[in-house]
Amino acid sequence: MTGAPRQDPNAGYIAGYNADMDRQRKGLPPPSDQPAANWNSYWCNVIRFIDSDPTDSDKRRLRRYVIEKRRAYGLPELNCP
């Protein structure tokens, strides 16, 4: 008996982050509901949010996804204080 494929617990986050990366690539400002002065601070806040919960393999994968996808899109490297 085979079970249904396991749904990615980060699928919702990934879809939202992809949309935000598209916004950045289009030269639009960060989402207005996020307290960020610029895209660097927005993405640093995202990384801090991901890291705020106890780290597990899904969180590490999500963090790596954000960083690697941004690089693939040619977005600037992050400079998080």
Protein backbone atom coordinates (compact mmCIF):
# COMPACT_ATOMS: atom_id res chain seq x y z
CA MET A 1 0.00 0.00 0.00
CA THR A 2 1.47 3.33 -0.99
CA GLY A 3 0.59 6.54 0.73
CA ALA A 4 0.02 9.92 -0.81
CA PRO A 5 3.17 11.91 -1.44
CA ARG A 6 4.19 14.02 1.52
CA GLN A 7 3.28 17.65 0.96
CA ASP A 8 6.12 20.11 1.40
CA PRO A 9 5.45 21.93 4.69
CA ASN A 10 7.20 24.99 3.24
CA ALA A 11 5.13 25.15 0.03
CA GLY A 12 3.17 28.21 1.18
CA TYR A 13 6.31 30.04 2.25
CA ILE A 14 8.08 29.16 -1.00
CA ALA A 15 5.20 30.50 -3.11
CA GLY A 16 5.21 33.76 -1.16
CA TYR A 17 8.98 34.13 -1.29
CA ASN A 18 8.96 33.47 -5.04
CA ALA A 19 6.36 36.21 -5.48
CA ASP A 20 8.49 38.58 -3.39
CA MET A 21 11.58 37.76 -5.47
CA ASP A 22 9.57 38.55 -8.59
CA ARG A 23 8.57 41.90 -7.03
CA GLN A 24 12.20 42.68 -6.33
CA ARG A 25 13.26 41.72 -9.86
CA LYS A 26 10.59 44.08 -11.24
CA GLY A 27 11.98 46.95 -9.15
CA LEU A 28 8.95 47.12 -6.87
CA PRO A 29 9.29 47.92 -3.15
CA PRO A 30 9.09 45.23 -0.46
CA PRO A 31 5.57 44.25 0.62
CA SER A 32 4.00 47.10 2.57
CA ASP A 33 2.85 44.83 5.39
CA GLN A 34 6.48 44.09 6.26
CA PRO A 35 8.48 46.66 8.28
CA ALA A 36 11.53 46.86 5.99
CA ALA A 37 13.28 49.92 4.62
CA ASN A 38 14.66 48.06 1.60
CA TRP A 39 14.93 44.62 0.04
CA ASN A 40 18.11 43.73 1.94
CA SER A 41 16.45 44.38 5.30
CA TYR A 42 13.30 42.56 4.13
CA TRP A 43 15.24 39.41 3.22
CA CYS A 44 17.35 39.61 6.38
CA ASN A 45 14.06 39.70 8.34
CA VAL A 46 12.87 36.65 6.38
CA ILE A 47 16.07 34.76 7.27
CA ARG A 48 15.72 35.77 10.93
CA PHE A 49 12.09 34.58 10.89
CA ILE A 50 13.11 31.23 9.44
CA ASP A 51 15.89 30.90 12.02
CA SER A 52 13.66 31.99 14.93
CA ASP A 53 12.00 28.60 15.35
CA PRO A 54 14.00 25.60 16.44
CA THR A 55 16.07 24.54 13.47
CA ASP A 56 15.07 21.35 11.72
CA SER A 57 15.77 19.96 8.27
CA ASP A 58 12.72 21.70 6.73
CA LYS A 59 13.82 25.09 8.11
CA ARG A 60 17.40 24.59 6.91
CA ARG A 61 16.08 23.65 3.47
CA LEU A 62 13.82 26.73 3.36
CA ARG A 63 16.68 29.03 4.36
CA ARG A 64 18.93 27.47 1.73
CA TYR A 65 16.14 27.78 -0.86
CA VAL A 66 15.73 31.53 -0.27
CA ILE A 67 19.46 32.19 -0.54
CA GLU A 68 20.04 29.97 -3.58
CA LYS A 69 16.92 31.12 -5.46
CA ARG A 70 17.88 34.76 -4.95
CA ARG A 71 21.32 34.00 -6.38
CA ALA A 72 19.78 32.15 -9.34
CA TYR A 73 17.63 35.22 -10.03
CA GLY A 74 20.75 37.43 -9.97
CA LEU A 75 19.58 39.40 -6.94
CA PRO A 76 22.23 41.10 -4.76
CA GLU A 77 23.87 39.08 -2.00
CA LEU A 78 22.44 39.79 1.42
CA ASN A 79 24.30 41.82 4.01
CA CYS A 80 22.60 40.95 7.27
CA PRO A 81 23.93 42.60 10.43
